PDB file of N, CA and C in Angstrom:
ATOM      1  N   MET A   1     116.890 219.110 132.889  1.00  0.00           N
ATOM      2  CA  MET A   1     118.031 218.507 133.514  1.00  0.00           C
ATOM      3  C   MET A   1     118.870 219.019 133.081  1.00  0.00           C
ATOM      4  N   THR A   2     120.277 218.990 133.916  1.00  0.00           N
ATOM      5  CA  THR A   2     121.167 219.687 134.281  1.00  0.00           C
ATOM      6  C   THR A   2     122.113 218.565 132.761  1.00  0.00           C
ATOM      7  N   ALA A   3     123.614 219.403 132.420  1.00  0.00           N
ATOM      8  CA  ALA A   3     123.910 218.984 131.395  1.00  0.00           C
ATOM      9  C   ALA A   3     125.353 217.095 131.948  1.00  0.00           C
ATOM     10  N   VAL A   4     124.588 217.227 133.496  1.00  0.00           N
ATOM     11  CA  VAL A   4     125.353 216.442 134.220  1.00  0.00           C
ATOM     12  C   VAL A   4     125.361 215.004 134.516  1.00  0.00           C
ATOM     13  N   ALA A   5     123.270 215.870 134.706  1.00  0.00           N
ATOM     14  CA  ALA A   5     123.261 214.800 134.859  1.00  0.00           C
ATOM     15  C   ALA A   5     122.152 213.791 133.640  1.00  0.00           C
ATOM     16  N   LEU A   6     122.155 213.997 132.334  1.00  0.00           N
ATOM     17  CA  LEU A   6     122.038 213.890 131.208  1.00  0.00           C
ATOM     18  C   LEU A   6     123.246 213.314 130.778  1.00  0.00           C
ATOM     19  N   PHE A   7     124.691 213.163 130.841  1.00  0.00           N
ATOM     20  CA  PHE A   7     125.722 212.546 130.613  1.00  0.00           C
ATOM     21  C   PHE A   7     125.628 211.665 131.443  1.00  0.00           C
ATOM     22  N   GLN A   8     124.779 211.531 133.488  1.00  0.00           N
ATOM     23  CA  GLN A   8     124.788 210.629 133.995  1.00  0.00           C
ATOM     24  C   GLN A   8     124.179 209.179 132.941  1.00  0.00           C
ATOM     25  N   SER A   9     123.150 209.942 132.483  1.00  0.00           N
ATOM     26  CA  SER A   9     121.987 209.093 132.485  1.00  0.00           C
ATOM     27  C   SER A   9     122.876 207.972 131.242  1.00  0.00           C
ATOM     28  N   LEU A  10     123.109 209.416 129.950  1.00  0.00           N
ATOM     29  CA  LEU A  10     123.252 208.113 128.951  1.00  0.00           C
ATOM     30  C   LEU A  10     125.012 207.194 129.384  1.00  0.00           C
ATOM     31  N   LEU A  11     125.363 207.593 130.086  1.00  0.00           N
ATOM     32  CA  LEU A  11     126.621 206.108 130.975  1.00  0.00           C
ATOM     33  C   LEU A  11     125.259 205.530 131.048  1.00  0.00           C
ATOM     34  N   ILE A  12     125.133 205.745 132.300  1.00  0.00           N
ATOM     35  CA  ILE A  12     124.077 204.497 132.644  1.00  0.00           C
ATOM     36  C   ILE A  12     123.888 203.577 131.811  1.00  0.00           C
ATOM     37  N   GLY A  13     122.423 204.348 131.448  1.00  0.00           N
ATOM     38  CA  GLY A  13     121.822 203.409 130.012  1.00  0.00           C
ATOM     39  C   GLY A  13     123.059 203.129 129.217  1.00  0.00           C
ATOM     40  N   ALA A  14     123.836 203.525 129.000  1.00  0.00           N
ATOM     41  CA  ALA A  14     124.793 202.546 127.626  1.00  0.00           C
ATOM     42  C   ALA A  14     125.857 201.407 128.733  1.00  0.00           C
ATOM     43  N   GLY A  15     125.328 201.202 130.349  1.00  0.00           N
ATOM     44  CA  GLY A  15     126.047 200.646 130.723  1.00  0.00           C
ATOM     45  C   GLY A  15     125.239 198.968 131.319  1.00  0.00           C
ATOM     46  N   VAL A  16     124.074 199.330 130.909  1.00  0.00           N
ATOM     47  CA  VAL A  16     123.385 199.084 130.677  1.00  0.00           C
ATOM     48  C   VAL A  16     122.729 198.170 129.394  1.00  0.00           C
ATOM     49  N   ALA A  17     122.655 198.881 128.464  1.00  0.00           N
ATOM     50  CA  ALA A  17     123.266 198.130 127.621  1.00  0.00           C
ATOM     51  C   ALA A  17     124.021 196.900 127.266  1.00  0.00           C
ATOM     52  N   PHE A  18     124.811 197.630 127.728  1.00  0.00           N
ATOM     53  CA  PHE A  18     125.676 196.002 127.796  1.00  0.00           C
ATOM     54  C   PHE A  18     125.799 194.923 127.869  1.00  0.00           C
ATOM     55  N   PHE A  19     125.298 195.170 129.284  1.00  0.00           N
ATOM     56  CA  PHE A  19     124.920 194.391 130.303  1.00  0.00           C
ATOM     57  C   PHE A  19     123.426 193.309 129.257  1.00  0.00           C
ATOM     58  N   VAL A  20     122.838 193.949 128.653  1.00  0.00           N
ATOM     59  CA  VAL A  20     121.213 193.143 128.106  1.00  0.00           C
ATOM     60  C   VAL A  20     122.299 192.587 126.879  1.00  0.00           C
ATOM     61  N   VAL A  21     123.124 193.004 126.093  1.00  0.00           N
ATOM     62  CA  VAL A  21     123.888 192.845 124.757  1.00  0.00           C
ATOM     63  C   VAL A  21     124.754 191.680 125.265  1.00  0.00           C
ATOM     64  N   GLY A  22     125.416 191.046 126.524  1.00  0.00           N
ATOM     65  CA  GLY A  22     126.478 190.212 126.576  1.00  0.00           C
ATOM     66  C   GLY A  22     125.294 189.609 126.623  1.00  0.00           C
ATOM     67  N   SER A  23     124.284 189.470 127.951  1.00  0.00           N
ATOM     68  CA  SER A  23     123.572 188.674 128.082  1.00  0.00           C
ATOM     69  C   SER A  23     122.989 187.308 127.091  1.00  0.00           C
ATOM     70  N   ILE A  24     122.653 188.528 125.664  1.00  0.00           N
ATOM     71  CA  ILE A  24     122.008 187.962 124.598  1.00  0.00           C
ATOM     72  C   ILE A  24     123.257 187.207 123.669  1.00  0.00           C
ATOM     73  N   GLY A  25     123.926 187.505 123.958  1.00  0.00           N
ATOM     74  CA  GLY A  25     125.646 187.023 123.860  1.00  0.00           C
ATOM     75  C   GLY A  25     125.700 185.532 124.157  1.00  0.00           C
ATOM     76  N   VAL A  26     125.445 185.592 125.902  1.00  0.00           N
ATOM     77  CA  VAL A  26     125.625 183.696 126.207  1.00  0.00           C
ATOM     78  C   VAL A  26     124.522 183.057 125.784  1.00  0.00           C
ATOM     79  N   LEU A  27     122.851 183.516 125.340  1.00  0.00           N
ATOM     80  CA  LEU A  27     122.192 182.749 125.307  1.00  0.00           C
ATOM     81  C   LEU A  27     122.252 182.354 122.889  1.00  0.00           C
ATOM     82  N   ARG A  28     122.847 183.226 122.527  1.00  0.00           N
ATOM     83  CA  ARG A  28     123.527 182.795 121.292  1.00  0.00           C
ATOM     84  C   ARG A  28     125.287 182.229 120.780  1.00  0.00           C
ATOM     85  N   PHE A  29     125.877 182.868 121.472  1.00  0.00           N
ATOM     86  CA  PHE A  29     126.910 182.654 121.078  1.00  0.00           C
ATOM     87  C   PHE A  29     127.127 180.913 120.835  1.00  0.00           C
ATOM     88  N   PRO A  30     127.537 180.015 119.671  1.00  0.00           N
ATOM     89  CA  PRO A  30     128.230 178.742 119.706  1.00  0.00           C
ATOM     90  C   PRO A  30     128.763 178.112 120.776  1.00  0.00           C
ATOM     91  N   ASP A  31     129.795 178.165 122.142  1.00  0.00           N
ATOM     92  CA  ASP A  31     129.975 177.859 122.023  1.00  0.00           C
ATOM     93  C   ASP A  31     130.694 178.319 124.202  1.00  0.00           C
ATOM     94  N   VAL A  32     131.385 177.394 124.694  1.00  0.00           N
ATOM     95  CA  VAL A  32     132.001 177.750 125.728  1.00  0.00           C
ATOM     96  C   VAL A  32     132.672 179.042 125.458  1.00  0.00           C
ATOM     97  N   TYR A  33     133.146 179.069 124.977  1.00  0.00           N
ATOM     98  CA  TYR A  33     134.399 180.435 124.734  1.00  0.00           C
ATOM     99  C   TYR A  33     133.711 181.313 124.713  1.00  0.00           C
ATOM    100  N   THR A  34     133.284 181.738 123.636  1.00  0.00           N
ATOM    101  CA  THR A  34     132.870 182.957 123.113  1.00  0.00           C
ATOM    102  C   THR A  34     131.584 182.816 123.778  1.00  0.00           C
ATOM    103  N   ARG A  35     130.752 182.070 124.464  1.00  0.00           N
ATOM    104  CA  ARG A  35     130.010 182.601 125.716  1.00  0.00           C
ATOM    105  C   ARG A  35     130.731 183.468 127.097  1.00  0.00           C
ATOM    106  N   ILE A  36     131.713 182.677 127.389  1.00  0.00           N
ATOM    107  CA  ILE A  36     132.534 183.163 128.484  1.00  0.00           C
ATOM    108  C   ILE A  36     133.031 184.973 127.990  1.00  0.00           C
ATOM    109  N   HIS A  37     133.279 184.901 126.513  1.00  0.00           N
ATOM    110  CA  HIS A  37     134.419 186.105 126.171  1.00  0.00           C
ATOM    111  C   HIS A  37     132.611 187.229 126.155  1.00  0.00           C
ATOM    112  N   ALA A  38     132.196 187.006 125.958  1.00  0.00           N
ATOM    113  CA  ALA A  38     130.494 187.991 125.573  1.00  0.00           C
ATOM    114  C   ALA A  38     129.611 187.923 127.395  1.00  0.00           C
ATOM    115  N   LEU A  39     130.407 187.309 128.507  1.00  0.00           N
ATOM    116  CA  LEU A  39     129.357 187.416 129.787  1.00  0.00           C
ATOM    117  C   LEU A  39     130.343 188.241 130.103  1.00  0.00           C
ATOM    118  N   THR A  40     132.100 188.054 130.318  1.00  0.00           N
ATOM    119  CA  THR A  40     133.249 188.714 130.976  1.00  0.00           C
ATOM    120  C   THR A  40     133.332 190.678 130.134  1.00  0.00           C
ATOM    121  N   LYS A  41     132.855 190.546 128.711  1.00  0.00           N
ATOM    122  CA  LYS A  41     133.009 191.904 128.039  1.00  0.00           C
ATOM    123  C   LYS A  41     131.930 192.778 128.337  1.00  0.00           C
ATOM    124  N   ALA A  42     130.921 191.942 128.592  1.00  0.00           N
ATOM    125  CA  ALA A  42     130.318 192.848 129.294  1.00  0.00           C
ATOM    126  C   ALA A  42     129.647 193.550 130.413  1.00  0.00           C
ATOM    127  N   ASP A  43     130.206 192.093 131.321  1.00  0.00           N
ATOM    128  CA  ASP A  43     130.535 192.724 133.295  1.00  0.00           C
ATOM    129  C   ASP A  43     131.143 194.061 132.801  1.00  0.00           C
ATOM    130  N   ASN A  44     132.504 193.418 132.492  1.00  0.00           N
ATOM    131  CA  ASN A  44     133.889 194.906 133.203  1.00  0.00           C
ATOM    132  C   ASN A  44     132.911 196.677 131.853  1.00  0.00           C
ATOM    133  N   LEU A  45     132.601 195.967 131.143  1.00  0.00           N
ATOM    134  CA  LEU A  45     132.294 197.531 130.272  1.00  0.00           C
ATOM    135  C   LEU A  45     130.801 198.446 130.921  1.00  0.00           C
ATOM    136  N   GLY A  46     129.746 196.790 131.043  1.00  0.00           N
ATOM    137  CA  GLY A  46     129.323 197.092 131.706  1.00  0.00           C
ATOM    138  C   GLY A  46     128.922 198.167 133.115  1.00  0.00           C
ATOM    139  N   LEU A  47     129.324 198.034 133.940  1.00  0.00           N
ATOM    140  CA  LEU A  47     129.237 198.311 134.796  1.00  0.00           C
ATOM    141  C   LEU A  47     130.674 199.534 134.607  1.00  0.00           C
ATOM    142  N   GLY A  48     131.835 199.428 133.923  1.00  0.00           N
ATOM    143  CA  GLY A  48     131.731 200.227 134.324  1.00  0.00           C
ATOM    144  C   GLY A  48     131.511 201.524 133.921  1.00  0.00           C
ATOM    145  N   LEU A  49     131.181 201.717 133.606  1.00  0.00           N
ATOM    146  CA  LEU A  49     130.061 202.785 132.556  1.00  0.00           C
ATOM    147  C   LEU A  49     129.145 203.399 133.968  1.00  0.00           C
ATOM    148  N   VAL A  50     128.060 201.849 133.871  1.00  0.00           N
ATOM    149  CA  VAL A  50     128.212 202.160 135.534  1.00  0.00           C
ATOM    150  C   VAL A  50     128.147 203.390 136.443  1.00  0.00           C
ATOM    151  N   VAL A  51     129.777 202.764 136.714  1.00  0.00           N
ATOM    152  CA  VAL A  51     130.038 203.331 137.989  1.00  0.00           C
ATOM    153  C   VAL A  51     130.442 205.006 137.323  1.00  0.00           C
ATOM    154  N   ILE A  52     130.872 204.993 135.587  1.00  0.00           N
ATOM    155  CA  ILE A  52     131.165 206.664 135.519  1.00  0.00           C
ATOM    156  C   ILE A  52     130.278 207.157 135.840  1.00  0.00           C
ATOM    157  N   GLY A  53     128.903 206.627 135.393  1.00  0.00           N
ATOM    158  CA  GLY A  53     127.853 207.500 135.156  1.00  0.00           C
ATOM    159  C   GLY A  53     127.401 207.714 136.613  1.00  0.00           C
ATOM    160  N   LEU A  54     127.410 207.106 137.109  1.00  0.00           N
ATOM    161  CA  LEU A  54     126.987 207.721 139.028  1.00  0.00           C
ATOM    162  C   LEU A  54     128.336 208.180 139.924  1.00  0.00           C
ATOM    163  N   LEU A  55     130.030 208.342 139.389  1.00  0.00           N
ATOM    164  CA  LEU A  55     130.787 208.974 140.463  1.00  0.00           C
ATOM    165  C   LEU A  55     130.187 210.665 140.000  1.00  0.00           C
ATOM    166  N   PRO A  56     130.217 211.665 138.729  1.00  0.00           N
ATOM    167  CA  PRO A  56     129.635 212.900 139.165  1.00  0.00           C
ATOM    168  C   PRO A  56     128.656 212.989 140.956  1.00  0.00           C
ATOM    169  N   GLY A  57     127.114 211.747 140.979  1.00  0.00           N
ATOM    170  CA  GLY A  57     126.558 211.877 141.938  1.00  0.00           C
ATOM    171  C   GLY A  57     127.017 211.542 142.905  1.00  0.00           C
ATOM    172  N   ALA A  58     127.540 210.520 143.646  1.00  0.00           N
ATOM    173  CA  ALA A  58     127.821 210.429 144.811  1.00  0.00           C
ATOM    174  C   ALA A  58     128.554 211.242 145.493  1.00  0.00           C
ATOM    175  N   GLY A  59     128.845 210.999 146.929  1.00  0.00           N
ATOM    176  CA  GLY A  59     128.398 212.348 147.923  1.00  0.00           C
ATOM    177  C   GLY A  59     129.599 212.960 148.735  1.00  0.00           C
ATOM    178  N   SER A  60     130.307 211.973 148.288  1.00  0.00           N
ATOM    179  CA  SER A  60     131.950 212.410 148.537  1.00  0.00           C
ATOM    180  C   SER A  60     133.005 211.845 147.485  1.00  0.00           C
ATOM    181  N   VAL A  61     134.193 212.223 147.953  1.00  0.00           N
ATOM    182  CA  VAL A  61     135.451 211.586 147.613  1.00  0.00           C
ATOM    183  C   VAL A  61     135.039 210.052 147.928  1.00  0.00           C
ATOM    184  N   ALA A  62     135.252 210.394 149.284  1.00  0.00           N
ATOM    185  CA  ALA A  62     134.849 208.495 149.538  1.00  0.00           C
ATOM    186  C   ALA A  62     133.892 207.423 148.777  1.00  0.00           C
ATOM    187  N   ALA A  63     133.110 207.969 148.832  1.00  0.00           N
ATOM    188  CA  ALA A  63     132.246 206.820 147.731  1.00  0.00           C
ATOM    189  C   ALA A  63     132.064 206.395 146.753  1.00  0.00           C
ATOM    190  N   ALA A  64     133.251 207.710 145.910  1.00  0.00           N
ATOM    191  CA  ALA A  64     133.345 207.860 144.201  1.00  0.00           C
ATOM    192  C   ALA A  64     134.416 206.331 144.913  1.00  0.00           C
ATOM    193  N   LEU A  65     135.286 206.878 145.405  1.00  0.00           N
ATOM    194  CA  LEU A  65     136.797 205.754 145.615  1.00  0.00           C
ATOM    195  C   LEU A  65     135.831 204.708 146.154  1.00  0.00           C
ATOM    196  N   LYS A  66     134.561 204.427 146.443  1.00  0.00           N
ATOM    197  CA  LYS A  66     134.199 202.688 147.121  1.00  0.00           C
ATOM    198  C   LYS A  66     134.083 202.664 145.593  1.00  0.00           C
ATOM    199  N   LEU A  67     132.853 203.124 145.010  1.00  0.00           N
ATOM    200  CA  LEU A  67     132.666 203.202 143.106  1.00  0.00           C
ATOM    201  C   LEU A  67     133.508 202.587 142.593  1.00  0.00           C
ATOM    202  N   LEU A  68     134.752 202.817 142.769  1.00  0.00           N
ATOM    203  CA  LEU A  68     136.207 202.505 141.795  1.00  0.00           C
ATOM    204  C   LEU A  68     136.578 201.660 142.004  1.00  0.00           C
ATOM    205  N   LEU A  69     136.553 200.567 143.483  1.00  0.00           N
ATOM    206  CA  LEU A  69     137.290 199.720 143.951  1.00  0.00           C
ATOM    207  C   LEU A  69     135.970 198.653 144.197  1.00  0.00           C
ATOM    208  N   ILE A  70     135.175 199.060 144.040  1.00  0.00           N
ATOM    209  CA  ILE A  70     133.852 198.123 143.906  1.00  0.00           C
ATOM    210  C   ILE A  70     134.066 197.722 142.049  1.00  0.00           C
ATOM    211  N   TRP A  71     134.205 198.355 141.186  1.00  0.00           N
ATOM    212  CA  TRP A  71     135.454 197.734 140.501  1.00  0.00           C
ATOM    213  C   TRP A  71     135.589 196.845 139.393  1.00  0.00           C
ATOM    214  N   GLY A  72     136.836 197.770 140.016  1.00  0.00           N
ATOM    215  CA  GLY A  72     138.016 197.685 140.391  1.00  0.00           C
ATOM    216  C   GLY A  72     138.227 195.742 140.794  1.00  0.00           C
ATOM    217  N   LEU A  73     137.349 195.379 141.813  1.00  0.00           N
ATOM    218  CA  LEU A  73     137.286 194.150 142.669  1.00  0.00           C
ATOM    219  C   LEU A  73     136.152 193.379 141.757  1.00  0.00           C
ATOM    220  N   ALA A  74     135.100 193.506 140.577  1.00  0.00           N
ATOM    221  CA  ALA A  74     134.074 192.546 140.200  1.00  0.00           C
ATOM    222  C   ALA A  74     135.936 193.052 138.678  1.00  0.00           C
ATOM    223  N   LEU A  75     135.933 193.124 138.655  1.00  0.00           N
ATOM    224  CA  LEU A  75     137.152 193.732 136.874  1.00  0.00           C
ATOM    225  C   LEU A  75     138.226 191.954 137.387  1.00  0.00           C
ATOM    226  N   LEU A  76     138.693 191.863 138.557  1.00  0.00           N
ATOM    227  CA  LEU A  76     139.602 191.351 139.256  1.00  0.00           C
ATOM    228  C   LEU A  76     138.125 189.558 139.655  1.00  0.00           C
ATOM    229  N   ALA A  77     137.618 189.814 139.934  1.00  0.00           N
ATOM    230  CA  ALA A  77     136.851 188.998 140.154  1.00  0.00           C
ATOM    231  C   ALA A  77     135.858 187.872 138.299  1.00  0.00           C
ATOM    232  N   SER A  78     135.785 188.769 137.692  1.00  0.00           N
ATOM    233  CA  SER A  78     135.688 188.634 136.024  1.00  0.00           C
ATOM    234  C   SER A  78     136.474 188.007 135.233  1.00  0.00           C
ATOM    235  N   ALA A  79     137.269 188.676 135.844  1.00  0.00           N
ATOM    236  CA  ALA A  79     138.740 187.612 134.892  1.00  0.00           C
ATOM    237  C   ALA A  79     138.672 185.995 135.848  1.00  0.00           C
ATOM    238  N   CYS A  80     139.524 186.645 136.449  1.00  0.00           N
ATOM    239  CA  CYS A  80     139.719 184.934 137.239  1.00  0.00           C
ATOM    240  C   CYS A  80     138.189 184.480 137.524  1.00  0.00           C
ATOM    241  N   ALA A  81     137.133 184.155 137.288  1.00  0.00           N
ATOM    242  CA  ALA A  81     135.850 183.154 137.380  1.00  0.00           C
ATOM    243  C   ALA A  81     135.978 182.692 135.303  1.00  0.00           C
ATOM    244  N   GLY A  82     136.560 184.045 134.351  1.00  0.00           N
ATOM    245  CA  GLY A  82     136.450 183.380 133.467  1.00  0.00           C
ATOM    246  C   GLY A  82     137.456 181.973 132.629  1.00  0.00           C
ATOM    247  N   TYR A  83     138.524 182.698 133.467  1.00  0.00           N
ATOM    248  CA  TYR A  83     139.824 181.797 133.018  1.00  0.00           C
ATOM    249  C   TYR A  83     138.968 180.270 133.927  1.00  0.00           C
ATOM    250  N   LEU A  84     138.973 180.689 135.083  1.00  0.00           N
ATOM    251  CA  LEU A  84     138.570 178.625 135.607  1.00  0.00           C
ATOM    252  C   LEU A  84     137.564 178.651 134.916  1.00  0.00           C
ATOM    253  N   VAL A  85     136.820 179.149 134.507  1.00  0.00           N
ATOM    254  CA  VAL A  85     135.757 178.121 134.046  1.00  0.00           C
ATOM    255  C   VAL A  85     136.319 177.928 132.682  1.00  0.00           C
ATOM    256  N   ALA A  86     137.054 178.183 131.496  1.00  0.00           N
ATOM    257  CA  ALA A  86     137.159 178.180 130.290  1.00  0.00           C
ATOM    258  C   ALA A  86     138.807 176.997 130.590  1.00  0.00           C
ATOM    259  N   ARG A  87     138.914 177.443 131.486  1.00  0.00           N
ATOM    260  CA  ARG A  87     140.363 176.460 131.988  1.00  0.00           C
ATOM    261  C   ARG A  87     139.264 174.860 132.351  1.00  0.00           C
ATOM    262  N   ALA A  88     138.632 175.147 132.961  1.00  0.00           N
ATOM    263  CA  ALA A  88     137.595 173.623 133.520  1.00  0.00           C
ATOM    264  C   ALA A  88     137.050 172.944 132.149  1.00  0.00           C
ATOM    265  N   ALA A  89     136.489 173.320 130.980  1.00  0.00           N
ATOM    266  CA  ALA A  89     136.453 173.580 129.865  1.00  0.00           C
ATOM    267  C   ALA A  89     137.368 173.127 129.098  1.00  0.00           C
ATOM    268  N   ARG A  90     138.592 172.874 129.268  1.00  0.00           N
ATOM    269  CA  ARG A  90     139.760 172.739 128.385  1.00  0.00           C
ATOM    270  C   ARG A  90     140.364 171.471 128.575  1.00  0.00           C
ATOM    271  N   ARG A  91     139.764 171.099 129.885  1.00  0.00           N
ATOM    272  CA  ARG A  91     139.878 170.266 130.920  1.00  0.00           C
ATOM    273  C   ARG A  91     139.205 169.267 130.919  1.00  0.00           C
ATOM    274  N   ARG A  92     137.753 169.130 130.084  1.00  0.00           N
ATOM    275  CA  ARG A  92     137.282 168.029 130.218  1.00  0.00           C
ATOM    276  C   ARG A  92     136.636 168.087 129.303  1.00  0.00           C
ATOM    277  N   GLY A  93     137.861 168.235 127.987  1.00  0.00           N
ATOM    278  CA  GLY A  93     138.107 168.107 126.932  1.00  0.00           C
ATOM    279  C   GLY A  93     137.000 168.921 125.362  1.00  0.00           C
ATOM    280  N   VAL A  94     136.417 170.034 126.218  1.00  0.00           N
ATOM    281  CA  VAL A  94     135.487 170.845 125.094  1.00  0.00           C
ATOM    282  C   VAL A  94     136.486 171.864 124.170  1.00  0.00           C
ATOM    283  N   GLU A  95     135.695 171.693 123.239  1.00  0.00           N
ATOM    284  CA  GLU A  95     136.910 172.101 122.347  1.00  0.00           C
ATOM    285  C   GLU A  95     136.441 173.359 121.475  1.00  0.00           C
ATOM    286  N   PRO A  96     137.441 173.897 120.813  1.00  0.00           N
ATOM    287  CA  PRO A  96     136.055 175.341 120.785  1.00  0.00           C
ATOM    288  C   PRO A  96     135.632 174.914 119.714  1.00  0.00           C
ATOM    289  N   TRP A  97     134.534 176.453 119.381  1.00  0.00           N
ATOM    290  CA  TRP A  97     133.638 176.460 118.034  1.00  0.00           C
ATOM    291  C   TRP A  97     134.730 176.556 116.884  1.00  0.00           C
ATOM    292  N   ARG A  98     134.243 175.679 115.248  1.00  0.00           N
ATOM    293  CA  ARG A  98     135.298 176.756 114.079  1.00  0.00           C
ATOM    294  C   ARG A  98     133.838 176.405 113.601  1.00  0.00           C
ATOM    295  N   ARG A  99     134.469 177.402 112.414  1.00  0.00           N
ATOM    296  CA  ARG A  99     132.686 177.733 111.997  1.00  0.00           C
ATOM    297  C   ARG A  99     133.110 176.352 110.751  1.00  0.00           C
ATOM    298  N   GLY A 100     131.538 176.910 111.083  1.00  0.00           N
ATOM    299  CA  GLY A 100     130.672 175.388 110.552  1.00  0.00           C
ATOM    300  C   GLY A 100     129.964 173.621 110.804  1.00  0.00           C
ATOM    301  N   GLN A 101     130.662 174.173 111.931  1.00  0.00           N
ATOM    302  CA  GLN A 101     130.149 173.402 112.639  1.00  0.00           C
ATOM    303  C   GLN A 101     128.910 173.651 113.250  1.00  0.00           C
ATOM    304  N   PRO A 102     128.044 172.356 114.305  1.00  0.00           N
ATOM    305  CA  PRO A 102     127.227 172.739 114.814  1.00  0.00           C
ATOM    306  C   PRO A 102     126.837 173.329 115.827  1.00  0.00           C
ATOM    307  N   ARG A 103     126.105 174.530 117.072  1.00  0.00           N
ATOM    308  CA  ARG A 103     125.905 174.434 118.025  1.00  0.00           C
ATOM    309  C   ARG A 103     126.241 173.812 118.637  1.00  0.00           C
ATOM    310  N   GLN A 104     126.997 173.857 120.270  1.00  0.00           N
ATOM    311  CA  GLN A 104     127.089 172.950 120.464  1.00  0.00           C
ATOM    312  C   GLN A 104     126.157 173.644 121.738  1.00  0.00           C
ATOM    313  N   ARG A 105     125.258 172.387 122.423  1.00  0.00           N
ATOM    314  CA  ARG A 105     123.909 172.396 123.949  1.00  0.00           C
ATOM    315  C   ARG A 105     125.085 172.548 124.893  1.00  0.00           C
ATOM    316  N   PRO A 106     124.133 172.566 125.697  1.00  0.00           N
ATOM    317  CA  PRO A 106     124.241 172.395 126.863  1.00  0.00           C
ATOM    318  C   PRO A 106     124.401 170.951 127.686  1.00  0.00           C
ATOM    319  N   GLU A 107     125.183 170.656 128.062  1.00  0.00           N
ATOM    320  CA  GLU A 107     124.661 168.724 128.477  1.00  0.00           C
ATOM    321  C   GLU A 107     123.918 169.287 129.719  1.00  0.00           C
ATOM    322  N   ARG A 108     122.743 167.936 129.516  1.00  0.00           N
ATOM    323  CA  ARG A 108     121.482 167.851 130.611  1.00  0.00           C
ATOM    324  C   ARG A 108     122.526 167.345 131.887  1.00  0.00           C
ATOM    325  N   SER A 109     122.209 167.971 132.834  1.00  0.00           N
ATOM    326  CA  SER A 109     122.361 167.487 134.684  1.00  0.00           C
ATOM    327  C   SER A 109     121.358 166.823 135.457  1.00  0.00           C
ATOM    328  N   GLY A 110     121.950 165.515 135.601  1.00  0.00           N
ATOM    329  CA  GLY A 110     120.867 164.478 136.572  1.00  0.00           C
ATOM    330  C   GLY A 110     119.181 163.748 135.480  1.00  0.00           C
ATOM    331  N   ASP A 111     118.835 163.232 135.990  1.00  0.00           N
ATOM    332  CA  ASP A 111     118.144 162.335 135.481  1.00  0.00           C
ATOM    333  C   ASP A 111     116.162 162.924 135.497  1.00  0.00           C
ATOM    334  N   PRO A 112     115.768 162.727 134.537  1.00  0.00           N
ATOM    335  CA  PRO A 112     114.849 163.839 133.935  1.00  0.00           C
ATOM    336  C   PRO A 112     112.967 163.235 135.127  1.00  0.00           C
ATOM    337  N   ARG A 113     113.865 162.087 135.348  1.00  0.00           N
ATOM    338  CA  ARG A 113     112.735 161.530 135.363  1.00  0.00           C
ATOM    339  C   ARG A 113     111.712 162.077 137.753  1.00  0.00           C
TER     340      ARG A 113
END
């Protein structure tokens, strides 16, 4: 295994680790705002590390630029989606979690019958 391949593997592995930790954060954090934060940071950093890990293996400059463009679009989409979800939660009256409060549980939608 060459040094470049090892470096690529480490970057891709670190990116996957960010995705896993972000997913755990979505399940474990106490309110919608901290969950959004965990998810958007994991998306941005995880995808960034994966893309940077894939860049040396891109066959051409055009392929590398496409990877970077995909990452940039995902950054914009993640930021916009996080903002819109947080704004919708705030408009519905969801208050941020404060230390000492119980964790918020998602509301059930629909009739279970």
